[in-house]
Amino acid sequence: MANAKPDDLVDEIDEIRDRLADTVDALIDRTNPKNIARRSLADLKARFVDETGSPRLETIGPLVGGAIVVIAGIVVVRRLLR
């Protein structure tokens, strides 16, 4: 770098500044609350719907089964306590 010309140094600084600006923009975009919510919703949807739009029964089935068990448990407990 001792033999670098001032114009070369200016060009290098400009390149570094541009890369840093891109990094800052990416961080701002990544931490935007709307974008976080959008990504979270897309992740959640991907768990229950495949790429073709069909429901993923391997994920939905256990969830529905668990909900039925919880509701049945609540009904049984309420009847026992009467």
C-alpha atoms as a PDB file:
ATOM      1  CA  MET A   1       0.000   0.000   0.000  1.00  0.00           C
ATOM      2  CA  ALA A   2       3.023   2.315   0.387  1.00  0.00           C
ATOM      3  CA  ASN A   3       3.267   2.552  -3.405  1.00  0.00           C
ATOM      4  CA  ALA A   4      -0.467   3.065  -3.943  1.00  0.00           C
ATOM      5  CA  LYS A   5      -1.495   6.168  -5.806  1.00  0.00           C
ATOM      6  CA  PRO A   6      -3.947   8.568  -4.183  1.00  0.00           C
ATOM      7  CA  ASP A   7      -6.519   7.911  -6.917  1.00  0.00           C
ATOM      8  CA  ASP A   8      -6.297   4.165  -6.235  1.00  0.00           C
ATOM      9  CA  LEU A   9      -6.842   4.784  -2.529  1.00  0.00           C
ATOM     10  CA  VAL A  10      -9.865   6.972  -3.245  1.00  0.00           C
ATOM     11  CA  ASP A  11     -11.314   4.268  -5.500  1.00  0.00           C
ATOM     12  CA  GLU A  12     -10.753   1.624  -2.827  1.00  0.00           C
ATOM     13  CA  ILE A  13     -12.373   3.804  -0.166  1.00  0.00           C
ATOM     14  CA  ASP A  14     -15.373   4.363  -2.460  1.00  0.00           C
ATOM     15  CA  GLU A  15     -15.741   0.605  -2.997  1.00  0.00           C
ATOM     16  CA  ILE A  16     -15.560  -0.043   0.747  1.00  0.00           C
ATOM     17  CA  ARG A  17     -18.106   2.718   1.384  1.00  0.00           C
ATOM     18  CA  ASP A  18     -20.497   1.174  -1.183  1.00  0.00           C
ATOM     19  CA  ARG A  19     -20.161  -2.291   0.374  1.00  0.00           C
ATOM     20  CA  LEU A  20     -20.742  -0.843   3.829  1.00  0.00           C
ATOM     21  CA  ALA A  21     -23.829   1.025   2.599  1.00  0.00           C
ATOM     22  CA  ASP A  22     -25.198  -2.213   1.098  1.00  0.00           C
ATOM     23  CA  THR A  23     -24.579  -4.010   4.391  1.00  0.00           C
ATOM     24  CA  VAL A  24     -26.329  -1.297   6.397  1.00  0.00           C
ATOM     25  CA  ASP A  25     -29.279  -1.334   3.971  1.00  0.00           C
ATOM     26  CA  ALA A  26     -29.537  -5.116   4.295  1.00  0.00           C
ATOM     27  CA  LEU A  27     -29.503  -4.865   8.101  1.00  0.00           C
ATOM     28  CA  ILE A  28     -32.182  -2.183   8.077  1.00  0.00           C
ATOM     29  CA  ASP A  29     -34.331  -4.303   5.761  1.00  0.00           C
ATOM     30  CA  ARG A  30     -33.779  -7.416   7.888  1.00  0.00           C
ATOM     31  CA  THR A  31     -34.780  -5.660  11.119  1.00  0.00           C
ATOM     32  CA  ASN A  32     -37.826  -3.810   9.744  1.00  0.00           C
ATOM     33  CA  PRO A  33     -40.838  -4.970  11.845  1.00  0.00           C
ATOM     34  CA  LYS A  34     -43.065  -5.354   8.779  1.00  0.00           C
ATOM     35  CA  ASN A  35     -40.475  -7.529   7.075  1.00  0.00           C
ATOM     36  CA  ILE A  36     -39.997  -9.612  10.215  1.00  0.00           C
ATOM     37  CA  ALA A  37     -43.767 -10.180  10.414  1.00  0.00           C
ATOM     38  CA  ARG A  38     -43.929 -11.020   6.709  1.00  0.00           C
ATOM     39  CA  ARG A  39     -41.098 -13.575   7.024  1.00  0.00           C
ATOM     40  CA  SER A  40     -42.655 -15.099  10.150  1.00  0.00           C
ATOM     41  CA  LEU A  41     -46.005 -15.459   8.412  1.00  0.00           C
ATOM     42  CA  ALA A  42     -44.353 -17.029   5.371  1.00  0.00           C
ATOM     43  CA  ASP A  43     -42.466 -19.487   7.616  1.00  0.00           C
ATOM     44  CA  LEU A  44     -45.667 -20.405   9.450  1.00  0.00           C
ATOM     45  CA  LYS A  45     -47.592 -20.840   6.214  1.00  0.00           C
ATOM     46  CA  ALA A  46     -44.797 -23.024   4.821  1.00  0.00           C
ATOM     47  CA  ARG A  47     -45.225 -25.379   7.797  1.00  0.00           C
ATOM     48  CA  PHE A  48     -48.879 -26.020   6.929  1.00  0.00           C
ATOM     49  CA  VAL A  49     -49.038 -25.579   3.130  1.00  0.00           C
ATOM     50  CA  ASP A  50     -46.622 -26.967   0.545  1.00  0.00           C
ATOM     51  CA  GLU A  51     -45.329 -25.207  -2.575  1.00  0.00           C
ATOM     52  CA  THR A  52     -48.348 -26.285  -4.644  1.00  0.00           C
ATOM     53  CA  GLY A  53     -50.834 -24.895  -2.112  1.00  0.00           C
ATOM     54  CA  SER A  54     -51.890 -28.298  -0.786  1.00  0.00           C
ATOM     55  CA  PRO A  55     -52.199 -28.734   2.981  1.00  0.00           C
ATOM     56  CA  ARG A  56     -49.388 -30.609   4.730  1.00  0.00           C
ATOM     57  CA  LEU A  57     -51.305 -33.337   6.532  1.00  0.00           C
ATOM     58  CA  GLU A  58     -48.180 -34.555   8.339  1.00  0.00           C
ATOM     59  CA  THR A  59     -48.125 -31.217  10.174  1.00  0.00           C
ATOM     60  CA  ILE A  60     -51.844 -30.467  10.404  1.00  0.00           C
ATOM     61  CA  GLY A  61     -52.859 -33.939  11.618  1.00  0.00           C
ATOM     62  CA  PRO A  62     -50.906 -33.960  14.891  1.00  0.00           C
ATOM     63  CA  LEU A  63     -51.938 -30.371  15.603  1.00  0.00           C
ATOM     64  CA  VAL A  64     -55.643 -31.156  15.171  1.00  0.00           C
ATOM     65  CA  GLY A  65     -55.240 -34.380  17.147  1.00  0.00           C
ATOM     66  CA  GLY A  66     -53.573 -32.518  19.994  1.00  0.00           C
ATOM     67  CA  ALA A  67     -56.320 -29.892  20.025  1.00  0.00           C
ATOM     68  CA  ILE A  68     -58.982 -32.619  20.195  1.00  0.00           C
ATOM     69  CA  VAL A  69     -57.197 -34.298  23.114  1.00  0.00           C
ATOM     70  CA  VAL A  70     -56.927 -30.992  25.009  1.00  0.00           C
ATOM     71  CA  ILE A  71     -60.602 -30.155  24.445  1.00  0.00           C
ATOM     72  CA  ALA A  72     -61.679 -33.664  25.452  1.00  0.00           C
ATOM     73  CA  GLY A  73     -59.546 -33.391  28.586  1.00  0.00           C
ATOM     74  CA  ILE A  74     -61.159 -30.101  29.531  1.00  0.00           C
ATOM     75  CA  VAL A  75     -64.645 -31.558  28.999  1.00  0.00           C
ATOM     76  CA  VAL A  76     -63.841 -34.624  31.121  1.00  0.00           C
ATOM     77  CA  VAL A  77     -62.366 -32.543  33.943  1.00  0.00           C
ATOM     78  CA  ARG A  78     -65.353 -30.180  33.964  1.00  0.00           C
ATOM     79  CA  ARG A  79     -67.785 -33.098  34.132  1.00  0.00           C
ATOM     80  CA  LEU A  80     -65.863 -34.712  36.959  1.00  0.00           C
ATOM     81  CA  LEU A  81     -65.859 -31.496  38.966  1.00  0.00           C
ATOM     82  CA  ARG A  82     -69.649 -31.046  38.736  1.00  0.00           C
END
